[in-house]
Amino acid sequence: MPSDQQNQSQSGTKRSAALSGLVRAQRLLEIAFILPISVCIGLALGYVLDRWLHQHWIEVVGMILGAVAGFIEVFHIVQQNEKDSQ
């Protein structure tokens, strides 16, 4: 009986290690999507504001603000990932 409990705890440890590895990989994979999506959202909002306000420079500002927001989020993800790995 004690060997059965030991085998179950070892298999549970392997599963939790595999699951934590998948969670970490998912967090890092978010980086590949966050930056382009945030730039596209900023560009789209800038485009809408350009057409609504009849201006031609807001689209560029929206794209820049989207890129800045994306980089900030990437830095947050990297810091969180480093904190979890320690």
Protein backbone atom coordinates (compact mmCIF):
# COMPACT_ATOMS: atom_id res chain seq x y z
CA MET A 1 0.00 0.00 0.00
CA PRO A 2 2.68 2.59 0.79
CA SER A 3 4.25 2.03 -2.63
CA ASP A 4 0.89 2.77 -4.30
CA GLN A 5 0.66 6.09 -2.47
CA GLN A 6 4.25 6.88 -3.40
CA ASN A 7 3.58 6.11 -7.09
CA GLN A 8 0.49 8.30 -7.04
CA SER A 9 2.38 11.20 -5.49
CA GLN A 10 5.17 10.85 -8.07
CA SER A 11 2.68 10.78 -10.94
CA GLY A 12 0.89 13.80 -9.42
CA THR A 13 4.22 15.64 -9.23
CA LYS A 14 4.96 14.84 -12.88
CA ARG A 15 1.51 16.06 -13.91
CA SER A 16 1.81 19.29 -11.94
CA ALA A 17 5.27 19.93 -13.42
CA ALA A 18 3.93 19.31 -16.92
CA LEU A 19 0.94 21.55 -16.26
CA SER A 20 3.10 24.36 -14.91
CA GLY A 21 5.31 24.05 -17.99
CA LEU A 22 2.28 24.40 -20.25
CA VAL A 23 1.04 27.42 -18.31
CA ARG A 24 4.46 29.05 -18.61
CA ALA A 25 4.58 28.34 -22.36
CA GLN A 26 1.10 29.82 -22.76
CA ARG A 27 2.17 33.01 -21.01
CA LEU A 28 5.17 33.36 -23.27
CA LEU A 29 3.06 32.63 -26.34
CA GLU A 30 0.84 35.58 -25.39
CA ILE A 31 3.75 37.88 -26.25
CA ALA A 32 3.54 36.85 -29.89
CA PHE A 33 -0.08 37.99 -30.05
CA ILE A 34 -0.30 40.96 -27.70
CA LEU A 35 2.02 43.34 -29.52
CA PRO A 36 0.52 43.05 -33.03
CA ILE A 37 -3.05 43.03 -31.73
CA SER A 38 -2.50 46.15 -29.62
CA VAL A 39 -0.98 47.97 -32.60
CA CYS A 40 -3.95 46.95 -34.77
CA ILE A 41 -6.44 48.10 -32.15
CA GLY A 42 -4.68 51.46 -31.78
CA LEU A 43 -4.57 51.83 -35.56
CA ALA A 44 -8.26 51.01 -35.90
CA LEU A 45 -9.28 53.46 -33.18
CA GLY A 46 -7.08 56.12 -34.75
CA TYR A 47 -8.65 55.45 -38.15
CA VAL A 48 -12.15 55.81 -36.74
CA LEU A 49 -11.22 59.05 -34.97
CA ASP A 50 -9.56 60.34 -38.15
CA ARG A 51 -12.73 59.85 -40.14
CA TRP A 52 -14.98 61.19 -37.41
CA LEU A 53 -12.93 64.32 -36.68
CA HIS A 54 -11.74 64.84 -40.29
CA GLN A 55 -8.08 64.79 -39.33
CA HIS A 56 -5.15 62.89 -40.83
CA TRP A 57 -2.70 62.49 -37.96
CA ILE A 58 -4.70 60.69 -35.28
CA GLU A 59 -4.24 57.32 -36.97
CA VAL A 60 -0.46 57.52 -36.49
CA VAL A 61 -0.86 58.56 -32.86
CA GLY A 62 -3.24 55.64 -32.28
CA MET A 63 -0.73 53.23 -33.79
CA ILE A 64 2.06 54.59 -31.57
CA LEU A 65 -0.11 54.45 -28.44
CA GLY A 66 -1.11 50.88 -29.30
CA ALA A 67 2.55 49.89 -29.67
CA VAL A 68 3.41 51.51 -26.34
CA ALA A 69 0.52 49.71 -24.62
CA GLY A 70 1.64 46.43 -26.20
CA PHE A 71 5.23 46.87 -24.99
CA ILE A 72 4.04 47.68 -21.48
CA GLU A 73 1.95 44.52 -21.42
CA VAL A 74 4.89 42.47 -22.75
CA PHE A 75 7.08 43.82 -19.93
CA HIS A 76 4.40 42.87 -17.39
CA ILE A 77 4.22 39.33 -18.75
CA VAL A 78 8.00 38.93 -18.71
CA GLN A 79 8.24 40.24 -15.13
CA GLN A 80 5.46 37.91 -14.00
CA ASN A 81 7.14 34.98 -15.73
CA GLU A 82 10.48 35.73 -14.04
CA LYS A 83 8.76 36.08 -10.68
CA ASP A 84 7.01 32.72 -11.10
CA SER A 85 10.21 30.95 -12.16
CA GLN A 86 12.05 32.00 -8.98
